[in-house]
Amino acid sequence: MLPCGESGLLLELTSSAQVTAVYRALHSACDDGRLHGVRELVPAARTVLVAAEDGSTPPRERVGELIADLGDLDHLGSPSETPAEVTIPVRYDGEDLDLVARTAELSVAEVVELHSGAEYTVAFCGFAPGFGYLTGLPEPLQQARLDDSRSRIPAGSVGVAGEFSAVYPRSSPGGWRLIGRTEQVMFDPAADPPARLSPGDIVRFEPVG
């Protein structure tokens, strides 16, 4: 646990599974009143930022107690909190689908079966509003980003990069390998909440078309 500015506490962890477990535990504690004085929790790839309310300092001791209650973070069991489940329909016709298949030494049909058959967890959100980094990608599909990023990737594009899969919520530059697209709106500033995905959610992809 490291101080971060005047009102933040940065928790450094070693895996996305630990990030998810710690984020869920602290979020639940904030909701049920066991953890007071927290304005925001921000998970990332290997950290969770605990931001205290203005004019206060993070409750370091209480945060430590809640993390200790989780037990051995290297041998986490199933979370006690039931996460939200999101199903995203996908048309698997991405520009890099053949490339992903060749790299994995699989057929296109096998890539689709692997990607759509896995269960994903939203580890954290970043890069752009509504962009959720999903863990759970099968190992053969864990491939490097493109050597050259595209200047424009259409909204709804489904891609893979490293250990993550994701859906681009809006048109933007990007270097992920694109394997499909969805019509589902991933970010709408007029909606409540605006982002379709939140950290800790369980995500499944459903082939269509």
N, C-alpha and C. Protein backbone atom coordinates (compact mmCIF):
# COMPACT_ATOMS: atom_id res chain seq x y z
N MET A 1 0.85 -1.19 0.00
CA MET A 1 0.00 0.00 0.00
C MET A 1 0.88 1.23 0.00
N LEU A 2 0.70 2.09 -0.99
CA LEU A 2 1.53 3.28 -1.13
C LEU A 2 0.66 4.53 -1.12
N PRO A 3 1.11 5.61 -0.48
CA PRO A 3 0.36 6.87 -0.56
C PRO A 3 0.37 7.38 -1.99
N CYS A 4 -0.72 7.98 -2.41
CA CYS A 4 -0.83 8.51 -3.77
C CYS A 4 -1.47 9.89 -3.68
N GLY A 5 -0.64 10.94 -3.72
CA GLY A 5 -1.15 12.28 -3.54
C GLY A 5 -1.59 12.50 -2.10
N GLU A 6 -2.43 13.50 -1.89
CA GLU A 6 -2.86 13.83 -0.54
C GLU A 6 -4.03 12.99 -0.06
N SER A 7 -4.78 12.41 -0.99
CA SER A 7 -6.00 11.70 -0.57
C SER A 7 -6.17 10.36 -1.27
N GLY A 8 -5.05 9.73 -1.68
CA GLY A 8 -5.14 8.45 -2.37
C GLY A 8 -4.25 7.40 -1.74
N LEU A 9 -4.63 6.15 -1.95
CA LEU A 9 -3.87 5.00 -1.50
C LEU A 9 -3.81 4.02 -2.66
N LEU A 10 -2.59 3.68 -3.09
CA LEU A 10 -2.42 2.80 -4.24
C LEU A 10 -2.05 1.40 -3.76
N LEU A 11 -2.88 0.43 -4.12
CA LEU A 11 -2.63 -0.96 -3.74
C LEU A 11 -1.97 -1.67 -4.92
N GLU A 12 -0.74 -2.11 -4.74
CA GLU A 12 -0.02 -2.81 -5.80
C GLU A 12 -0.22 -4.31 -5.63
N LEU A 13 -0.67 -4.98 -6.71
CA LEU A 13 -0.97 -6.40 -6.68
C LEU A 13 -0.18 -7.09 -7.80
N THR A 14 -0.29 -8.41 -7.89
CA THR A 14 0.55 -9.14 -8.83
C THR A 14 -0.20 -9.80 -9.97
N SER A 15 -1.52 -9.74 -9.97
CA SER A 15 -2.28 -10.37 -11.06
C SER A 15 -3.64 -9.70 -11.20
N SER A 16 -4.25 -9.90 -12.35
CA SER A 16 -5.58 -9.34 -12.57
C SER A 16 -6.61 -10.01 -11.67
N ALA A 17 -6.38 -11.28 -11.32
CA ALA A 17 -7.30 -11.98 -10.40
C ALA A 17 -7.28 -11.32 -9.03
N GLN A 18 -6.10 -10.93 -8.56
CA GLN A 18 -6.01 -10.24 -7.28
C GLN A 18 -6.69 -8.88 -7.35
N VAL A 19 -6.49 -8.16 -8.46
CA VAL A 19 -7.14 -6.86 -8.63
C VAL A 19 -8.65 -7.01 -8.51
N THR A 20 -9.20 -8.00 -9.22
CA THR A 20 -10.65 -8.20 -9.21
C THR A 20 -11.14 -8.53 -7.81
N ALA A 21 -10.43 -9.41 -7.10
CA ALA A 21 -10.86 -9.81 -5.76
C ALA A 21 -10.81 -8.64 -4.79
N VAL A 22 -9.73 -7.87 -4.82
CA VAL A 22 -9.59 -6.74 -3.91
C VAL A 22 -10.61 -5.66 -4.24
N TYR A 23 -10.79 -5.37 -5.53
CA TYR A 23 -11.78 -4.35 -5.92
C TYR A 23 -13.18 -4.74 -5.45
N ARG A 24 -13.56 -6.00 -5.67
CA ARG A 24 -14.89 -6.44 -5.26
C ARG A 24 -15.06 -6.34 -3.75
N ALA A 25 -14.03 -6.74 -3.01
CA ALA A 25 -14.13 -6.71 -1.54
C ALA A 25 -14.28 -5.29 -1.03
N LEU A 26 -13.48 -4.37 -1.56
CA LEU A 26 -13.56 -2.98 -1.10
C LEU A 26 -14.86 -2.32 -1.55
N HIS A 27 -15.29 -2.63 -2.78
CA HIS A 27 -16.54 -2.06 -3.29
C HIS A 27 -17.71 -2.51 -2.43
N SER A 28 -17.73 -3.80 -2.08
CA SER A 28 -18.79 -4.33 -1.23
C SER A 28 -18.76 -3.68 0.15
N ALA A 29 -17.55 -3.47 0.68
CA ALA A 29 -17.43 -2.86 2.00
C ALA A 29 -17.89 -1.40 2.00
N CYS A 30 -17.66 -0.71 0.88
CA CYS A 30 -18.17 0.66 0.77
C CYS A 30 -19.69 0.68 0.73
N ASP A 31 -20.26 -0.28 -0.01
CA ASP A 31 -21.72 -0.33 -0.17
C ASP A 31 -22.44 -0.64 1.14
N ASP A 32 -21.86 -1.55 1.94
CA ASP A 32 -22.58 -1.96 3.16
C ASP A 32 -22.11 -1.22 4.42
N GLY A 33 -21.26 -0.21 4.25
CA GLY A 33 -20.90 0.63 5.37
C GLY A 33 -19.71 0.18 6.19
N ARG A 34 -19.05 -0.91 5.78
CA ARG A 34 -17.87 -1.36 6.52
C ARG A 34 -16.64 -0.52 6.21
N LEU A 35 -16.68 0.23 5.12
CA LEU A 35 -15.56 1.10 4.74
C LEU A 35 -16.09 2.49 4.46
N HIS A 36 -15.67 3.45 5.25
CA HIS A 36 -16.16 4.82 5.13
C HIS A 36 -15.07 5.74 4.56
N GLY A 37 -15.50 6.88 4.05
CA GLY A 37 -14.58 7.91 3.64
C GLY A 37 -13.94 7.71 2.29
N VAL A 38 -14.45 6.77 1.49
CA VAL A 38 -13.89 6.51 0.17
C VAL A 38 -14.77 7.15 -0.91
N ARG A 39 -14.15 7.95 -1.75
CA ARG A 39 -14.87 8.62 -2.83
C ARG A 39 -14.92 7.78 -4.09
N GLU A 40 -13.85 7.04 -4.37
CA GLU A 40 -13.78 6.29 -5.63
C GLU A 40 -12.77 5.16 -5.51
N LEU A 41 -13.08 4.04 -6.18
CA LEU A 41 -12.15 2.92 -6.34
C LEU A 41 -11.84 2.77 -7.81
N VAL A 42 -10.55 2.73 -8.16
CA VAL A 42 -10.16 2.68 -9.57
C VAL A 42 -9.23 1.48 -9.80
N PRO A 43 -9.75 0.37 -10.34
CA PRO A 43 -8.88 -0.77 -10.64
C PRO A 43 -8.13 -0.55 -11.94
N ALA A 44 -6.94 -1.13 -12.04
CA ALA A 44 -6.15 -1.11 -13.27
C ALA A 44 -5.56 -2.50 -13.46
N ALA A 45 -4.56 -2.63 -14.31
CA ALA A 45 -4.03 -3.95 -14.63
C ALA A 45 -3.46 -4.67 -13.42
N ARG A 46 -2.72 -3.94 -12.57
CA ARG A 46 -2.10 -4.57 -11.39
C ARG A 46 -2.24 -3.70 -10.15
N THR A 47 -3.12 -2.73 -10.16
CA THR A 47 -3.29 -1.84 -9.01
C THR A 47 -4.76 -1.53 -8.78
N VAL A 48 -5.05 -1.10 -7.54
CA VAL A 48 -6.36 -0.52 -7.21
C VAL A 48 -6.09 0.79 -6.47
N LEU A 49 -6.63 1.88 -6.99
CA LEU A 49 -6.50 3.17 -6.33
C LEU A 49 -7.70 3.41 -5.43
N VAL A 50 -7.44 3.69 -4.16
CA VAL A 50 -8.48 4.04 -3.20
C VAL A 50 -8.41 5.55 -3.00
N ALA A 51 -9.41 6.26 -3.51
CA ALA A 51 -9.42 7.72 -3.41
C ALA A 51 -10.36 8.13 -2.29
N ALA A 52 -9.82 8.87 -1.32
CA ALA A 52 -10.61 9.31 -0.17
C ALA A 52 -11.44 10.54 -0.52
N GLU A 53 -12.44 10.80 0.29
CA GLU A 53 -13.26 11.98 0.12
C GLU A 53 -12.40 13.23 0.31
N ASP A 54 -12.80 14.31 -0.32
CA ASP A 54 -12.03 15.55 -0.27
C ASP A 54 -11.76 15.96 1.17
N GLY A 55 -10.51 16.33 1.44
CA GLY A 55 -10.15 16.81 2.77
C GLY A 55 -9.84 15.72 3.77
N SER A 56 -9.88 14.45 3.33
CA SER A 56 -9.60 13.36 4.26
C SER A 56 -8.44 12.52 3.72
N THR A 57 -8.01 11.58 4.51
CA THR A 57 -6.96 10.66 4.10
C THR A 57 -7.55 9.25 4.00
N PRO A 58 -6.98 8.40 3.14
CA PRO A 58 -7.51 7.05 2.99
C PRO A 58 -7.45 6.26 4.29
N PRO A 59 -8.47 5.46 4.58
CA PRO A 59 -8.48 4.64 5.81
C PRO A 59 -7.55 3.44 5.65
N ARG A 60 -6.24 3.69 5.72
CA ARG A 60 -5.23 2.69 5.41
C ARG A 60 -5.40 1.42 6.26
N GLU A 61 -5.57 1.59 7.56
CA GLU A 61 -5.67 0.42 8.44
C GLU A 61 -6.90 -0.42 8.10
N ARG A 62 -8.03 0.25 7.85
CA ARG A 62 -9.26 -0.50 7.55
C ARG A 62 -9.14 -1.20 6.21
N VAL A 63 -8.54 -0.56 5.23
CA VAL A 63 -8.34 -1.20 3.93
C VAL A 63 -7.47 -2.45 4.10
N GLY A 64 -6.42 -2.34 4.91
CA GLY A 64 -5.56 -3.49 5.16
C GLY A 64 -6.30 -4.64 5.81
N GLU A 65 -7.20 -4.33 6.75
CA GLU A 65 -7.98 -5.37 7.41
C GLU A 65 -8.89 -6.10 6.42
N LEU A 66 -9.52 -5.34 5.53
CA LEU A 66 -10.43 -5.94 4.56
C LEU A 66 -9.68 -6.84 3.57
N ILE A 67 -8.48 -6.41 3.20
CA ILE A 67 -7.68 -7.25 2.30
C ILE A 67 -7.22 -8.51 3.03
N ALA A 68 -6.82 -8.36 4.30
CA ALA A 68 -6.38 -9.52 5.08
C ALA A 68 -7.51 -10.54 5.22
N ASP A 69 -8.75 -10.06 5.28
CA ASP A 69 -9.89 -10.97 5.40
C ASP A 69 -10.05 -11.87 4.17
N LEU A 70 -9.46 -11.47 3.04
CA LEU A 70 -9.55 -12.29 1.83
C LEU A 70 -8.67 -13.53 1.92
N GLY A 71 -7.72 -13.53 2.84
CA GLY A 71 -6.81 -14.66 2.96
C GLY A 71 -5.64 -14.54 2.00
N ASP A 72 -5.13 -15.69 1.57
CA ASP A 72 -3.96 -15.74 0.69
C ASP A 72 -4.37 -15.29 -0.71
N LEU A 73 -3.88 -14.13 -1.11
CA LEU A 73 -4.24 -13.59 -2.43
C LEU A 73 -3.70 -14.43 -3.57
N ASP A 74 -2.68 -15.26 -3.30
CA ASP A 74 -2.13 -16.12 -4.36
C ASP A 74 -2.96 -17.38 -4.55
N HIS A 75 -3.91 -17.63 -3.66
CA HIS A 75 -4.76 -18.82 -3.77
C HIS A 75 -6.21 -18.41 -3.47
N LEU A 76 -6.70 -17.54 -4.32
CA LEU A 76 -8.04 -17.01 -4.10
C LEU A 76 -9.10 -18.03 -4.46
N GLY A 77 -10.13 -18.09 -3.66
CA GLY A 77 -11.27 -18.91 -4.00
C GLY A 77 -12.27 -18.10 -4.81
N SER A 78 -13.46 -18.63 -4.97
CA SER A 78 -14.50 -17.92 -5.71
C SER A 78 -14.98 -16.73 -4.89
N PRO A 79 -15.25 -15.60 -5.52
CA PRO A 79 -15.70 -14.43 -4.78
C PRO A 79 -17.08 -14.67 -4.17
N SER A 80 -17.30 -14.11 -2.98
CA SER A 80 -18.59 -14.29 -2.32
C SER A 80 -19.67 -13.44 -2.97
N GLU A 81 -19.28 -12.32 -3.57
CA GLU A 81 -20.24 -11.44 -4.22
C GLU A 81 -20.61 -11.99 -5.59
N THR A 82 -21.89 -11.98 -5.93
CA THR A 82 -22.33 -12.46 -7.24
C THR A 82 -22.19 -11.34 -8.26
N PRO A 83 -21.32 -11.51 -9.26
CA PRO A 83 -21.11 -10.43 -10.23
C PRO A 83 -22.24 -10.37 -11.25
N ALA A 84 -22.36 -9.22 -11.90
CA ALA A 84 -23.32 -9.09 -13.00
C ALA A 84 -22.82 -9.89 -14.19
N GLU A 85 -23.75 -10.43 -14.98
CA GLU A 85 -23.38 -11.21 -16.16
C GLU A 85 -23.88 -10.49 -17.41
N VAL A 86 -23.00 -10.37 -18.39
CA VAL A 86 -23.31 -9.65 -19.62
C VAL A 86 -23.01 -10.56 -20.81
N THR A 87 -23.97 -10.70 -21.71
CA THR A 87 -23.77 -11.45 -22.95
C THR A 87 -23.71 -10.48 -24.12
N ILE A 88 -22.67 -10.60 -24.93
CA ILE A 88 -22.46 -9.69 -26.05
C ILE A 88 -22.54 -10.47 -27.36
N PRO A 89 -23.53 -10.21 -28.21
CA PRO A 89 -23.60 -10.89 -29.51
C PRO A 89 -22.51 -10.38 -30.44
N VAL A 90 -21.82 -11.29 -31.12
CA VAL A 90 -20.70 -10.92 -31.97
C VAL A 90 -20.81 -11.59 -33.34
N ARG A 91 -20.60 -10.80 -34.38
CA ARG A 91 -20.44 -11.34 -35.73
C ARG A 91 -18.93 -11.47 -35.95
N TYR A 92 -18.47 -12.71 -36.06
CA TYR A 92 -17.04 -12.96 -36.18
C TYR A 92 -16.59 -12.82 -37.64
N ASP A 93 -16.28 -11.58 -38.00
CA ASP A 93 -15.82 -11.29 -39.37
C ASP A 93 -14.74 -10.21 -39.36
N GLY A 94 -13.96 -10.15 -38.28
CA GLY A 94 -12.97 -9.09 -38.12
C GLY A 94 -11.84 -9.15 -39.14
N GLU A 95 -11.22 -8.01 -39.34
CA GLU A 95 -10.15 -7.89 -40.33
C GLU A 95 -8.95 -8.78 -40.03
N ASP A 96 -8.74 -9.09 -38.77
CA ASP A 96 -7.56 -9.87 -38.38
C ASP A 96 -7.90 -11.30 -37.97
N LEU A 97 -9.10 -11.74 -38.28
CA LEU A 97 -9.52 -13.07 -37.86
C LEU A 97 -8.62 -14.14 -38.47
N ASP A 98 -8.32 -14.02 -39.76
CA ASP A 98 -7.44 -14.99 -40.41
C ASP A 98 -6.04 -14.94 -39.81
N LEU A 99 -5.54 -13.74 -39.51
CA LEU A 99 -4.22 -13.59 -38.91
C LEU A 99 -4.17 -14.26 -37.54
N VAL A 100 -5.20 -14.05 -36.73
CA VAL A 100 -5.24 -14.68 -35.41
C VAL A 100 -5.26 -16.19 -35.55
N ALA A 101 -6.02 -16.70 -36.52
CA ALA A 101 -6.09 -18.15 -36.73
C ALA A 101 -4.73 -18.70 -37.17
N ARG A 102 -4.06 -18.03 -38.10
CA ARG A 102 -2.74 -18.50 -38.56
C ARG A 102 -1.73 -18.48 -37.42
N THR A 103 -1.74 -17.40 -36.65
CA THR A 103 -0.79 -17.27 -35.54
C THR A 103 -1.00 -18.36 -34.50
N ALA A 104 -2.26 -18.70 -34.26
CA ALA A 104 -2.59 -19.73 -33.26
C ALA A 104 -2.52 -21.14 -33.85
N GLU A 105 -2.30 -21.23 -35.17
CA GLU A 105 -2.30 -22.52 -35.86
C GLU A 105 -3.63 -23.24 -35.66
N LEU A 106 -4.69 -22.47 -35.85
CA LEU A 106 -6.04 -22.98 -35.75
C LEU A 106 -6.83 -22.59 -36.98
N SER A 107 -7.99 -23.22 -37.15
CA SER A 107 -8.91 -22.77 -38.19
C SER A 107 -9.71 -21.58 -37.66
N VAL A 108 -10.32 -20.83 -38.58
CA VAL A 108 -11.16 -19.71 -38.17
C VAL A 108 -12.29 -20.21 -37.27
N ALA A 109 -12.88 -21.33 -37.62
CA ALA A 109 -13.97 -21.88 -36.81
C ALA A 109 -13.50 -22.20 -35.40
N GLU A 110 -12.27 -22.69 -35.26
CA GLU A 110 -11.74 -23.01 -33.93
C GLU A 110 -11.49 -21.73 -33.12
N VAL A 111 -11.04 -20.67 -33.80
CA VAL A 111 -10.85 -19.39 -33.10
C VAL A 111 -12.19 -18.89 -32.55
N VAL A 112 -13.21 -18.94 -33.39
CA VAL A 112 -14.54 -18.49 -32.96
C VAL A 112 -15.03 -19.34 -31.79
N GLU A 113 -14.84 -20.64 -31.88
CA GLU A 113 -15.29 -21.53 -30.81
C GLU A 113 -14.55 -21.24 -29.51
N LEU A 114 -13.24 -21.02 -29.59
CA LEU A 114 -12.46 -20.72 -28.39
C LEU A 114 -12.88 -19.40 -27.76
N HIS A 115 -12.97 -18.36 -28.60
CA HIS A 115 -13.27 -17.03 -28.08
C HIS A 115 -14.67 -16.97 -27.49
N SER A 116 -15.63 -17.54 -28.17
CA SER A 116 -17.02 -17.46 -27.70
C SER A 116 -17.32 -18.48 -26.60
N GLY A 117 -16.46 -19.48 -26.44
CA GLY A 117 -16.69 -20.48 -25.41
C GLY A 117 -16.11 -20.14 -24.06
N ALA A 118 -15.31 -19.08 -24.01
CA ALA A 118 -14.65 -18.70 -22.76
C ALA A 118 -15.55 -17.80 -21.91
N GLU A 119 -15.26 -17.76 -20.62
CA GLU A 119 -15.92 -16.84 -19.70
C GLU A 119 -14.91 -15.77 -19.30
N TYR A 120 -15.30 -14.51 -19.42
CA TYR A 120 -14.38 -13.40 -19.19
C TYR A 120 -14.81 -12.61 -17.95
N THR A 121 -13.84 -11.94 -17.36
CA THR A 121 -14.09 -11.03 -16.25
C THR A 121 -13.56 -9.65 -16.61
N VAL A 122 -14.34 -8.62 -16.34
CA VAL A 122 -13.88 -7.25 -16.57
C VAL A 122 -12.88 -6.92 -15.47
N ALA A 123 -11.59 -6.91 -15.83
CA ALA A 123 -10.55 -6.65 -14.83
C ALA A 123 -10.51 -5.18 -14.45
N PHE A 124 -10.63 -4.31 -15.46
CA PHE A 124 -10.62 -2.87 -15.22
C PHE A 124 -11.07 -2.18 -16.50
N CYS A 125 -11.35 -0.90 -16.41
CA CYS A 125 -11.75 -0.10 -17.56
C CYS A 125 -10.76 1.03 -17.75
N GLY A 126 -10.48 1.36 -19.00
CA GLY A 126 -9.52 2.41 -19.28
C GLY A 126 -9.40 2.66 -20.76
N PHE A 127 -8.41 3.43 -21.17
CA PHE A 127 -8.12 3.80 -22.55
C PHE A 127 -9.17 4.76 -23.10
N ALA A 128 -10.43 4.38 -22.98
CA ALA A 128 -11.54 5.23 -23.44
C ALA A 128 -12.75 4.91 -22.57
N PRO A 129 -13.69 5.84 -22.42
CA PRO A 129 -14.89 5.56 -21.62
C PRO A 129 -15.61 4.31 -22.12
N GLY A 130 -15.86 3.36 -21.22
CA GLY A 130 -16.57 2.15 -21.57
C GLY A 130 -15.71 1.03 -22.11
N PHE A 131 -14.39 1.24 -22.18
CA PHE A 131 -13.48 0.21 -22.70
C PHE A 131 -13.07 -0.70 -21.56
N GLY A 132 -13.62 -1.92 -21.55
CA GLY A 132 -13.33 -2.88 -20.49
C GLY A 132 -12.28 -3.88 -20.91
N TYR A 133 -11.27 -4.05 -20.09
CA TYR A 133 -10.22 -5.05 -20.34
C TYR A 133 -10.69 -6.38 -19.75
N LEU A 134 -10.88 -7.37 -20.60
CA LEU A 134 -11.47 -8.64 -20.19
C LEU A 134 -10.40 -9.72 -20.06
N THR A 135 -10.31 -10.33 -18.89
CA THR A 135 -9.41 -11.46 -18.71
C THR A 135 -10.19 -12.76 -18.92
N GLY A 136 -9.44 -13.84 -19.18
CA GLY A 136 -10.07 -15.13 -19.45
C GLY A 136 -9.87 -15.58 -20.88
N LEU A 137 -9.10 -14.81 -21.66
CA LEU A 137 -8.85 -15.15 -23.06
C LEU A 137 -8.05 -16.44 -23.14
N PRO A 138 -8.52 -17.44 -23.92
CA PRO A 138 -7.78 -18.70 -24.05
C PRO A 138 -6.35 -18.44 -24.54
N GLU A 139 -5.42 -19.22 -24.05
CA GLU A 139 -3.99 -18.99 -24.32
C GLU A 139 -3.64 -18.92 -25.80
N PRO A 140 -4.19 -19.78 -26.69
CA PRO A 140 -3.82 -19.68 -28.10
C PRO A 140 -4.18 -18.33 -28.73
N LEU A 141 -5.15 -17.62 -28.15
CA LEU A 141 -5.59 -16.34 -28.70
C LEU A 141 -4.87 -15.16 -28.05
N GLN A 142 -3.99 -15.43 -27.11
CA GLN A 142 -3.22 -14.37 -26.46
C GLN A 142 -2.05 -14.00 -27.37
N GLN A 143 -2.26 -13.00 -28.19
CA GLN A 143 -1.30 -12.63 -29.22
C GLN A 143 -0.92 -11.16 -29.10
N ALA A 144 0.21 -10.83 -29.71
CA ALA A 144 0.72 -9.46 -29.63
C ALA A 144 -0.19 -8.50 -30.39
N ARG A 145 -0.11 -7.24 -30.01
CA ARG A 145 -0.78 -6.20 -30.78
C ARG A 145 -0.22 -6.15 -32.19
N LEU A 146 -0.92 -5.49 -33.08
CA LEU A 146 -0.43 -5.29 -34.44
C LEU A 146 0.85 -4.46 -34.41
N ASP A 147 1.73 -4.69 -35.38
CA ASP A 147 2.96 -3.91 -35.45
C ASP A 147 2.66 -2.43 -35.69
N ASP A 148 1.63 -2.16 -36.46
CA ASP A 148 1.23 -0.78 -36.76
C ASP A 148 -0.23 -0.59 -36.39
N SER A 149 -0.50 0.38 -35.53
CA SER A 149 -1.88 0.64 -35.11
C SER A 149 -2.68 1.24 -36.26
N ARG A 150 -3.98 0.98 -36.23
CA ARG A 150 -4.89 1.59 -37.20
C ARG A 150 -5.29 2.98 -36.71
N SER A 151 -5.49 3.89 -37.65
CA SER A 151 -5.88 5.25 -37.27
C SER A 151 -7.35 5.31 -36.85
N ARG A 152 -8.14 4.35 -37.30
CA ARG A 152 -9.56 4.35 -36.94
C ARG A 152 -10.08 2.93 -36.87
N ILE A 153 -10.61 2.57 -35.71
CA ILE A 153 -11.28 1.28 -35.52
C ILE A 153 -12.75 1.58 -35.22
N PRO A 154 -13.67 0.97 -35.96
CA PRO A 154 -15.10 1.27 -35.76
C PRO A 154 -15.59 0.87 -34.37
N ALA A 155 -16.56 1.61 -33.88
CA ALA A 155 -17.21 1.26 -32.61
C ALA A 155 -17.81 -0.14 -32.72
N GLY A 156 -17.71 -0.91 -31.63
CA GLY A 156 -18.26 -2.25 -31.61
C GLY A 156 -17.28 -3.32 -32.05
N SER A 157 -16.08 -2.93 -32.47
CA SER A 157 -15.08 -3.91 -32.90
C SER A 157 -14.62 -4.73 -31.69
N VAL A 158 -14.52 -6.03 -31.88
CA VAL A 158 -14.07 -6.94 -30.83
C VAL A 158 -12.63 -7.36 -31.16
N GLY A 159 -11.73 -7.18 -30.21
CA GLY A 159 -10.33 -7.47 -30.47
C GLY A 159 -9.66 -8.24 -29.37
N VAL A 160 -8.42 -8.68 -29.66
CA VAL A 160 -7.59 -9.36 -28.67
C VAL A 160 -6.21 -8.72 -28.70
N ALA A 161 -5.56 -8.69 -27.54
CA ALA A 161 -4.19 -8.17 -27.42
C ALA A 161 -3.61 -8.66 -26.10
N GLY A 162 -2.49 -9.37 -26.17
CA GLY A 162 -1.91 -9.91 -24.94
C GLY A 162 -2.88 -10.86 -24.26
N GLU A 163 -3.06 -10.68 -22.96
CA GLU A 163 -3.95 -11.56 -22.20
C GLU A 163 -5.41 -11.10 -22.23
N PHE A 164 -5.70 -10.01 -22.94
CA PHE A 164 -7.02 -9.40 -22.87
C PHE A 164 -7.81 -9.52 -24.17
N SER A 165 -9.14 -9.48 -24.01
CA SER A 165 -10.06 -9.22 -25.12
C SER A 165 -10.83 -7.97 -24.74
N ALA A 166 -11.44 -7.31 -25.73
CA ALA A 166 -12.16 -6.07 -25.44
C ALA A 166 -13.08 -5.73 -26.60
N VAL A 167 -14.01 -4.82 -26.33
CA VAL A 167 -14.89 -4.25 -27.35
C VAL A 167 -14.63 -2.75 -27.39
N TYR A 168 -14.31 -2.21 -28.57
CA TYR A 168 -14.11 -0.77 -28.70
C TYR A 168 -15.47 -0.07 -28.58
N PRO A 169 -15.66 0.76 -27.55
CA PRO A 169 -16.98 1.39 -27.35
C PRO A 169 -17.27 2.51 -28.34
N ARG A 170 -16.22 3.12 -28.87
CA ARG A 170 -16.39 4.20 -29.85
C ARG A 170 -15.30 4.09 -30.90
N SER A 171 -15.51 4.75 -32.01
CA SER A 171 -14.48 4.80 -33.05
C SER A 171 -13.24 5.49 -32.50
N SER A 172 -12.08 4.85 -32.69
CA SER A 172 -10.84 5.40 -32.14
C SER A 172 -9.66 4.71 -32.80
N PRO A 173 -8.46 5.27 -32.67
CA PRO A 173 -7.26 4.54 -33.09
C PRO A 173 -7.07 3.32 -32.21
N GLY A 174 -6.29 2.36 -32.69
CA GLY A 174 -6.03 1.18 -31.87
C GLY A 174 -5.18 0.16 -32.59
N GLY A 175 -4.54 -0.71 -31.82
CA GLY A 175 -3.65 -1.70 -32.41
C GLY A 175 -3.99 -3.13 -32.06
N TRP A 176 -5.20 -3.36 -31.54
CA TRP A 176 -5.59 -4.73 -31.20
C TRP A 176 -5.95 -5.51 -32.46
N ARG A 177 -5.81 -6.83 -32.39
CA ARG A 177 -6.20 -7.69 -33.51
C ARG A 177 -7.71 -7.87 -33.49
N LEU A 178 -8.37 -7.48 -34.57
CA LEU A 178 -9.82 -7.46 -34.62
C LEU A 178 -10.35 -8.78 -35.14
N ILE A 179 -11.27 -9.39 -34.38
CA ILE A 179 -11.81 -10.68 -34.79
C ILE A 179 -13.31 -10.63 -35.04
N GLY A 180 -13.98 -9.53 -34.68
CA GLY A 180 -15.42 -9.47 -34.88
C GLY A 180 -15.97 -8.10 -34.55
N ARG A 181 -17.31 -8.03 -34.51
CA ARG A 181 -17.97 -6.76 -34.20
C ARG A 181 -19.32 -7.04 -33.57
N THR A 182 -19.79 -6.09 -32.77
CA THR A 182 -21.09 -6.20 -32.14
C THR A 182 -21.89 -4.93 -32.37
N GLU A 183 -23.21 -5.08 -32.38
CA GLU A 183 -24.09 -3.93 -32.50
C GLU A 183 -24.47 -3.39 -31.12
N GLN A 184 -24.07 -4.10 -30.07
CA GLN A 184 -24.43 -3.66 -28.72
C GLN A 184 -23.70 -2.36 -28.37
N VAL A 185 -24.45 -1.42 -27.82
CA VAL A 185 -23.87 -0.13 -27.41
C VAL A 185 -23.11 -0.34 -26.10
N MET A 186 -21.81 -0.04 -26.11
CA MET A 186 -20.98 -0.26 -24.94
C MET A 186 -20.83 0.98 -24.06
N PHE A 187 -21.11 2.16 -24.64
CA PHE A 187 -21.03 3.38 -23.84
C PHE A 187 -22.03 4.40 -24.37
N ASP A 188 -22.90 4.87 -23.47
CA ASP A 188 -23.91 5.87 -23.82
C ASP A 188 -23.96 6.88 -22.68
N PRO A 189 -23.45 8.10 -22.89
CA PRO A 189 -23.39 9.08 -21.80
C PRO A 189 -24.76 9.44 -21.24
N ALA A 190 -25.84 9.16 -21.99
CA ALA A 190 -27.18 9.49 -21.51
C ALA A 190 -27.78 8.35 -20.69
N ALA A 191 -27.12 7.19 -20.68
CA ALA A 191 -27.65 6.03 -19.95
C ALA A 191 -27.20 6.07 -18.49
N ASP A 192 -27.83 5.23 -17.67
CA ASP A 192 -27.47 5.12 -16.26
C ASP A 192 -27.35 3.64 -15.91
N PRO A 193 -26.13 3.10 -15.78
CA PRO A 193 -24.85 3.81 -15.92
C PRO A 193 -24.48 3.95 -17.40
N PRO A 194 -23.60 4.88 -17.74
CA PRO A 194 -23.25 5.08 -19.14
C PRO A 194 -22.48 3.93 -19.76
N ALA A 195 -21.65 3.23 -18.97
CA ALA A 195 -20.84 2.13 -19.49
C ALA A 195 -21.57 0.81 -19.34
N ARG A 196 -21.55 0.00 -20.38
CA ARG A 196 -22.20 -1.31 -20.34
C ARG A 196 -21.47 -2.26 -19.41
N LEU A 197 -20.16 -2.12 -19.30
CA LEU A 197 -19.35 -3.02 -18.48
C LEU A 197 -18.76 -2.29 -17.28
N SER A 198 -18.69 -3.01 -16.15
CA SER A 198 -18.06 -2.49 -14.94
C SER A 198 -17.07 -3.53 -14.43
N PRO A 199 -16.02 -3.10 -13.72
CA PRO A 199 -15.07 -4.06 -13.16
C PRO A 199 -15.76 -5.13 -12.33
N GLY A 200 -15.35 -6.37 -12.57
CA GLY A 200 -15.93 -7.49 -11.85
C GLY A 200 -17.03 -8.21 -12.61
N ASP A 201 -17.62 -7.57 -13.63
CA ASP A 201 -18.68 -8.22 -14.41
C ASP A 201 -18.15 -9.45 -15.12
N ILE A 202 -19.03 -10.43 -15.30
CA ILE A 202 -18.73 -11.62 -16.08
C ILE A 202 -19.28 -11.42 -17.49
N VAL A 203 -18.46 -11.70 -18.50
CA VAL A 203 -18.84 -11.43 -19.89
C VAL A 203 -18.72 -12.70 -20.72
N ARG A 204 -19.70 -12.93 -21.57
CA ARG A 204 -19.65 -14.02 -22.54
C ARG A 204 -19.98 -13.46 -23.92
N PHE A 205 -19.35 -14.00 -24.94
CA PHE A 205 -19.60 -13.59 -26.32
C PHE A 205 -20.43 -14.67 -27.01
N GLU A 206 -21.43 -14.23 -27.74
CA GLU A 206 -22.35 -15.14 -28.42
C GLU A 206 -22.28 -14.94 -29.92
N PRO A 207 -21.84 -15.94 -30.70
CA PRO A 207 -21.75 -15.78 -32.16
C PRO A 207 -23.13 -15.57 -32.78
N VAL A 208 -23.21 -14.64 -33.73
CA VAL A 208 -24.45 -14.39 -34.46
C VAL A 208 -24.13 -14.28 -35.95
N GLY A 209 -25.13 -14.53 -36.77
CA GLY A 209 -24.97 -14.35 -38.20
C GLY A 209 -24.17 -15.45 -38.86
